[in-house]
Amino acid sequence: VRAQNPNQDAIEQLVKASGKFVLLDKLLPRLKSDGHRVLLFSQFKIMLDIIEDYLHLRTFKVERIDGSITGMKRQAAIDRFQSKDTKNGREQPFIMLLSTRAGGVG
């Protein structure tokens, strides 16, 4: 199985590295199957990078807003996440990653 999917090893190592990832790995598929969407906050951009890698390996559609995302791109990400319908057959984002410092103040 692993020879067919080399990303499986990376996913397993990442999940086993943290109890919080074990919880996320169990919780997120259930939330998605129940039709929920998720906002995930962190103070640290590097943590968002790690979570984003995990989400891409699990093939979840993700939007992200942090301090490096400026006005128009930020609004576009919010609009994509909030949209109710899928456009052009594209999957609706399931998770929005947010930096608690993305507002540019404080």
N, C-alpha and C. Protein backbone atom coordinates (compact mmCIF):
# COMPACT_ATOMS: atom_id res chain seq x y z
N VAL A 1 0.84 -1.19 0.00
CA VAL A 1 0.00 0.00 0.00
C VAL A 1 0.88 1.25 0.00
N ARG A 2 1.93 1.26 0.82
CA ARG A 2 2.78 2.44 0.91
C ARG A 2 3.52 2.72 -0.39
N ALA A 3 3.87 1.66 -1.12
CA ALA A 3 4.54 1.87 -2.41
C ALA A 3 3.61 2.57 -3.39
N GLN A 4 2.32 2.34 -3.25
CA GLN A 4 1.34 2.98 -4.12
C GLN A 4 1.09 4.42 -3.72
N ASN A 5 1.26 4.75 -2.44
CA ASN A 5 1.00 6.11 -1.94
C ASN A 5 2.15 6.54 -1.02
N PRO A 6 3.21 7.13 -1.59
CA PRO A 6 4.36 7.53 -0.76
C PRO A 6 4.02 8.60 0.27
N ASN A 7 2.94 9.36 0.04
CA ASN A 7 2.54 10.38 1.01
C ASN A 7 1.98 9.77 2.29
N GLN A 8 1.59 8.50 2.23
CA GLN A 8 1.02 7.85 3.41
C GLN A 8 2.01 7.82 4.57
N ASP A 9 3.29 7.56 4.27
CA ASP A 9 4.32 7.57 5.32
C ASP A 9 4.43 8.94 5.95
N ALA A 10 4.42 9.99 5.14
CA ALA A 10 4.53 11.36 5.65
C ALA A 10 3.34 11.70 6.54
N ILE A 11 2.16 11.30 6.12
CA ILE A 11 0.97 11.57 6.91
C ILE A 11 1.05 10.85 8.26
N GLU A 12 1.40 9.57 8.22
CA GLU A 12 1.47 8.79 9.46
C GLU A 12 2.50 9.36 10.43
N GLN A 13 3.67 9.77 9.92
CA GLN A 13 4.70 10.34 10.78
C GLN A 13 4.24 11.66 11.39
N LEU A 14 3.59 12.48 10.58
CA LEU A 14 3.11 13.77 11.08
C LEU A 14 2.05 13.58 12.15
N VAL A 15 1.12 12.69 11.91
CA VAL A 15 0.03 12.45 12.87
C VAL A 15 0.58 11.86 14.17
N LYS A 16 1.48 10.92 14.07
CA LYS A 16 2.03 10.28 15.27
C LYS A 16 2.93 11.20 16.07
N ALA A 17 3.38 12.29 15.48
CA ALA A 17 4.31 13.21 16.16
C ALA A 17 3.62 14.05 17.23
N SER A 18 2.28 14.12 17.19
CA SER A 18 1.57 15.00 18.11
C SER A 18 0.19 14.43 18.44
N GLY A 19 -0.13 14.46 19.72
CA GLY A 19 -1.46 14.02 20.14
C GLY A 19 -2.56 14.89 19.55
N LYS A 20 -2.26 16.16 19.34
CA LYS A 20 -3.26 17.06 18.74
C LYS A 20 -3.52 16.69 17.29
N PHE A 21 -2.48 16.23 16.57
CA PHE A 21 -2.70 15.78 15.20
C PHE A 21 -3.50 14.48 15.18
N VAL A 22 -3.30 13.62 16.16
CA VAL A 22 -4.11 12.40 16.25
C VAL A 22 -5.58 12.78 16.37
N LEU A 23 -5.86 13.75 17.24
CA LEU A 23 -7.24 14.20 17.41
C LEU A 23 -7.78 14.83 16.13
N LEU A 24 -6.99 15.72 15.51
CA LEU A 24 -7.43 16.33 14.25
C LEU A 24 -7.71 15.28 13.19
N ASP A 25 -6.83 14.28 13.11
CA ASP A 25 -6.96 13.24 12.09
C ASP A 25 -8.24 12.43 12.27
N LYS A 26 -8.72 12.32 13.49
CA LYS A 26 -9.98 11.62 13.74
C LYS A 26 -11.18 12.54 13.58
N LEU A 27 -11.02 13.78 13.99
CA LEU A 27 -12.13 14.73 14.04
C LEU A 27 -12.50 15.32 12.67
N LEU A 28 -11.49 15.71 11.89
CA LEU A 28 -11.78 16.42 10.64
C LEU A 28 -12.60 15.61 9.63
N PRO A 29 -12.28 14.34 9.39
CA PRO A 29 -13.12 13.60 8.44
C PRO A 29 -14.59 13.51 8.88
N ARG A 30 -14.79 13.38 10.18
CA ARG A 30 -16.17 13.31 10.69
C ARG A 30 -16.89 14.65 10.51
N LEU A 31 -16.20 15.74 10.81
CA LEU A 31 -16.81 17.06 10.62
C LEU A 31 -17.16 17.29 9.15
N LYS A 32 -16.25 16.89 8.27
CA LYS A 32 -16.52 17.08 6.83
C LYS A 32 -17.70 16.23 6.37
N SER A 33 -17.75 15.01 6.82
CA SER A 33 -18.85 14.14 6.38
C SER A 33 -20.20 14.62 6.91
N ASP A 34 -20.18 15.33 8.04
CA ASP A 34 -21.41 15.89 8.60
C ASP A 34 -21.76 17.25 8.01
N GLY A 35 -20.95 17.73 7.06
CA GLY A 35 -21.26 18.99 6.38
C GLY A 35 -20.76 20.25 7.07
N HIS A 36 -19.92 20.09 8.07
CA HIS A 36 -19.38 21.25 8.78
C HIS A 36 -18.19 21.83 8.03
N ARG A 37 -17.85 23.07 8.37
CA ARG A 37 -16.61 23.69 7.94
C ARG A 37 -15.89 24.19 9.18
N VAL A 38 -14.57 24.37 9.06
CA VAL A 38 -13.74 24.58 10.23
C VAL A 38 -12.92 25.86 10.10
N LEU A 39 -12.86 26.62 11.20
CA LEU A 39 -11.92 27.73 11.34
C LEU A 39 -10.86 27.27 12.34
N LEU A 40 -9.60 27.33 11.94
CA LEU A 40 -8.53 26.88 12.81
C LEU A 40 -7.56 28.05 13.02
N PHE A 41 -7.40 28.46 14.26
CA PHE A 41 -6.58 29.62 14.60
C PHE A 41 -5.25 29.19 15.21
N SER A 42 -4.20 29.97 14.93
CA SER A 42 -2.91 29.79 15.59
C SER A 42 -2.20 31.13 15.66
N GLN A 43 -1.40 31.32 16.70
CA GLN A 43 -0.58 32.52 16.80
C GLN A 43 0.67 32.42 15.95
N PHE A 44 1.04 31.20 15.58
CA PHE A 44 2.33 30.98 14.94
C PHE A 44 2.16 30.56 13.48
N LYS A 45 2.77 31.34 12.59
CA LYS A 45 2.69 31.02 11.17
C LYS A 45 3.33 29.68 10.85
N ILE A 46 4.39 29.34 11.55
CA ILE A 46 5.06 28.07 11.28
C ILE A 46 4.14 26.89 11.62
N MET A 47 3.31 27.04 12.64
CA MET A 47 2.34 26.00 12.97
C MET A 47 1.29 25.90 11.87
N LEU A 48 0.86 27.05 11.35
CA LEU A 48 -0.08 27.03 10.23
C LEU A 48 0.54 26.34 9.02
N ASP A 49 1.85 26.54 8.80
CA ASP A 49 2.53 25.86 7.68
C ASP A 49 2.47 24.35 7.85
N ILE A 50 2.72 23.87 9.06
CA ILE A 50 2.70 22.43 9.32
C ILE A 50 1.28 21.87 9.15
N ILE A 51 0.32 22.58 9.70
CA ILE A 51 -1.08 22.14 9.57
C ILE A 51 -1.51 22.15 8.11
N GLU A 52 -1.11 23.18 7.38
CA GLU A 52 -1.46 23.27 5.96
C GLU A 52 -0.86 22.11 5.18
N ASP A 53 0.38 21.73 5.48
CA ASP A 53 0.99 20.56 4.82
C ASP A 53 0.17 19.31 5.11
N TYR A 54 -0.21 19.12 6.36
CA TYR A 54 -1.03 17.96 6.73
C TYR A 54 -2.35 17.96 5.96
N LEU A 55 -3.01 19.12 5.91
CA LEU A 55 -4.31 19.20 5.24
C LEU A 55 -4.19 18.92 3.75
N HIS A 56 -3.11 19.39 3.13
CA HIS A 56 -2.91 19.09 1.71
C HIS A 56 -2.64 17.60 1.49
N LEU A 57 -1.88 16.99 2.39
CA LEU A 57 -1.64 15.55 2.28
C LEU A 57 -2.93 14.76 2.44
N ARG A 58 -3.85 15.25 3.25
CA ARG A 58 -5.16 14.62 3.44
C ARG A 58 -6.17 15.08 2.40
N THR A 59 -5.75 15.91 1.49
CA THR A 59 -6.55 16.44 0.36
C THR A 59 -7.78 17.22 0.80
N PHE A 60 -7.67 17.96 1.89
CA PHE A 60 -8.73 18.89 2.29
C PHE A 60 -8.51 20.21 1.56
N LYS A 61 -9.59 20.81 1.10
CA LYS A 61 -9.53 22.12 0.46
C LYS A 61 -9.38 23.18 1.54
N VAL A 62 -8.35 24.03 1.43
CA VAL A 62 -7.97 24.95 2.49
C VAL A 62 -7.86 26.38 1.96
N GLU A 63 -8.27 27.32 2.78
CA GLU A 63 -7.97 28.74 2.59
C GLU A 63 -7.15 29.17 3.79
N ARG A 64 -6.35 30.22 3.60
CA ARG A 64 -5.47 30.66 4.68
C ARG A 64 -5.36 32.17 4.69
N ILE A 65 -5.42 32.72 5.89
CA ILE A 65 -5.20 34.16 6.08
C ILE A 65 -4.20 34.32 7.21
N ASP A 66 -3.10 34.96 6.90
CA ASP A 66 -2.12 35.31 7.93
C ASP A 66 -1.59 36.71 7.62
N GLY A 67 -0.59 37.14 8.34
CA GLY A 67 -0.09 38.49 8.19
C GLY A 67 0.49 38.81 6.83
N SER A 68 0.85 37.80 6.05
CA SER A 68 1.44 38.04 4.73
C SER A 68 0.38 38.21 3.63
N ILE A 69 -0.88 37.96 3.95
CA ILE A 69 -1.97 38.07 2.97
C ILE A 69 -2.53 39.49 3.04
N THR A 70 -2.53 40.18 1.91
CA THR A 70 -2.97 41.57 1.90
C THR A 70 -4.43 41.70 1.46
N GLY A 71 -4.96 42.91 1.60
CA GLY A 71 -6.35 43.28 1.39
C GLY A 71 -7.18 42.48 0.41
N MET A 72 -6.91 42.61 -0.88
CA MET A 72 -7.76 41.97 -1.90
C MET A 72 -7.67 40.44 -1.82
N LYS A 73 -6.47 39.93 -1.60
CA LYS A 73 -6.31 38.47 -1.50
C LYS A 73 -7.03 37.94 -0.26
N ARG A 74 -6.97 38.70 0.81
CA ARG A 74 -7.65 38.31 2.05
C ARG A 74 -9.15 38.23 1.83
N GLN A 75 -9.71 39.25 1.20
CA GLN A 75 -11.14 39.27 0.94
C GLN A 75 -11.55 38.15 0.00
N ALA A 76 -10.71 37.88 -1.01
CA ALA A 76 -11.02 36.79 -1.95
C ALA A 76 -11.04 35.44 -1.21
N ALA A 77 -10.09 35.23 -0.29
CA ALA A 77 -10.06 33.99 0.47
C ALA A 77 -11.31 33.85 1.34
N ILE A 78 -11.72 34.95 1.96
CA ILE A 78 -12.94 34.95 2.78
C ILE A 78 -14.15 34.64 1.92
N ASP A 79 -14.23 35.28 0.76
CA ASP A 79 -15.37 35.06 -0.14
C ASP A 79 -15.43 33.60 -0.61
N ARG A 80 -14.28 33.01 -0.94
CA ARG A 80 -14.27 31.60 -1.37
C ARG A 80 -14.73 30.69 -0.24
N PHE A 81 -14.28 30.98 0.98
CA PHE A 81 -14.67 30.15 2.11
C PHE A 81 -16.15 30.28 2.43
N GLN A 82 -16.70 31.47 2.29
CA GLN A 82 -18.10 31.71 2.64
C GLN A 82 -19.08 31.34 1.53
N SER A 83 -18.58 31.12 0.32
CA SER A 83 -19.50 30.85 -0.78
C SER A 83 -20.31 29.59 -0.50
N LYS A 84 -21.56 29.63 -0.85
CA LYS A 84 -22.47 28.51 -0.58
C LYS A 84 -22.45 27.48 -1.71
N ASP A 85 -22.12 27.91 -2.92
CA ASP A 85 -22.16 26.99 -4.05
C ASP A 85 -20.76 26.78 -4.59
N THR A 86 -20.58 25.63 -5.24
CA THR A 86 -19.31 25.34 -5.88
C THR A 86 -19.36 25.89 -7.30
N LYS A 87 -18.32 26.63 -7.65
CA LYS A 87 -18.27 27.22 -8.98
C LYS A 87 -17.31 26.42 -9.85
N ASN A 88 -17.69 26.22 -11.10
CA ASN A 88 -16.86 25.51 -12.07
C ASN A 88 -16.46 24.12 -11.58
N GLY A 89 -17.30 23.50 -10.78
CA GLY A 89 -17.02 22.17 -10.29
C GLY A 89 -15.94 22.11 -9.24
N ARG A 90 -15.51 23.26 -8.71
CA ARG A 90 -14.46 23.29 -7.69
C ARG A 90 -15.08 23.01 -6.32
N GLU A 91 -14.36 22.25 -5.54
CA GLU A 91 -14.83 21.91 -4.20
C GLU A 91 -14.79 23.14 -3.29
N GLN A 92 -15.78 23.26 -2.47
CA GLN A 92 -15.86 24.37 -1.51
C GLN A 92 -14.80 24.16 -0.42
N PRO A 93 -14.09 25.22 -0.02
CA PRO A 93 -13.09 25.06 1.05
C PRO A 93 -13.72 24.53 2.33
N PHE A 94 -13.03 23.59 2.95
CA PHE A 94 -13.50 22.96 4.18
C PHE A 94 -12.91 23.63 5.41
N ILE A 95 -11.67 24.11 5.29
CA ILE A 95 -10.97 24.67 6.45
C ILE A 95 -10.38 26.02 6.10
N MET A 96 -10.52 26.95 7.03
CA MET A 96 -9.86 28.26 6.93
C MET A 96 -8.82 28.33 8.04
N LEU A 97 -7.56 28.47 7.65
CA LEU A 97 -6.48 28.63 8.61
C LEU A 97 -6.29 30.13 8.84
N LEU A 98 -6.25 30.52 10.10
CA LEU A 98 -6.15 31.93 10.45
C LEU A 98 -5.06 32.16 11.47
N SER A 99 -4.28 33.20 11.24
CA SER A 99 -3.33 33.66 12.23
C SER A 99 -4.05 34.66 13.12
N THR A 100 -3.84 34.56 14.42
CA THR A 100 -4.47 35.51 15.31
C THR A 100 -3.86 36.90 15.14
N ARG A 101 -2.79 36.99 14.39
CA ARG A 101 -2.14 38.27 14.14
C ARG A 101 -2.41 38.76 12.71
N ALA A 102 -3.37 38.18 12.03
CA ALA A 102 -3.64 38.51 10.64
C ALA A 102 -4.34 39.86 10.47
N GLY A 103 -4.88 40.41 11.55
CA GLY A 103 -5.59 41.67 11.44
C GLY A 103 -4.70 42.88 11.24
N GLY A 104 -3.42 42.72 11.50
CA GLY A 104 -2.50 43.83 11.29
C GLY A 104 -2.48 44.83 12.44
N VAL A 105 -3.15 44.52 13.52
CA VAL A 105 -3.14 45.40 14.69
C VAL A 105 -2.72 44.61 15.91
N GLY A 106 -2.14 45.30 16.88
CA GLY A 106 -1.77 44.67 18.15
C GLY A 106 -0.76 43.64 17.97
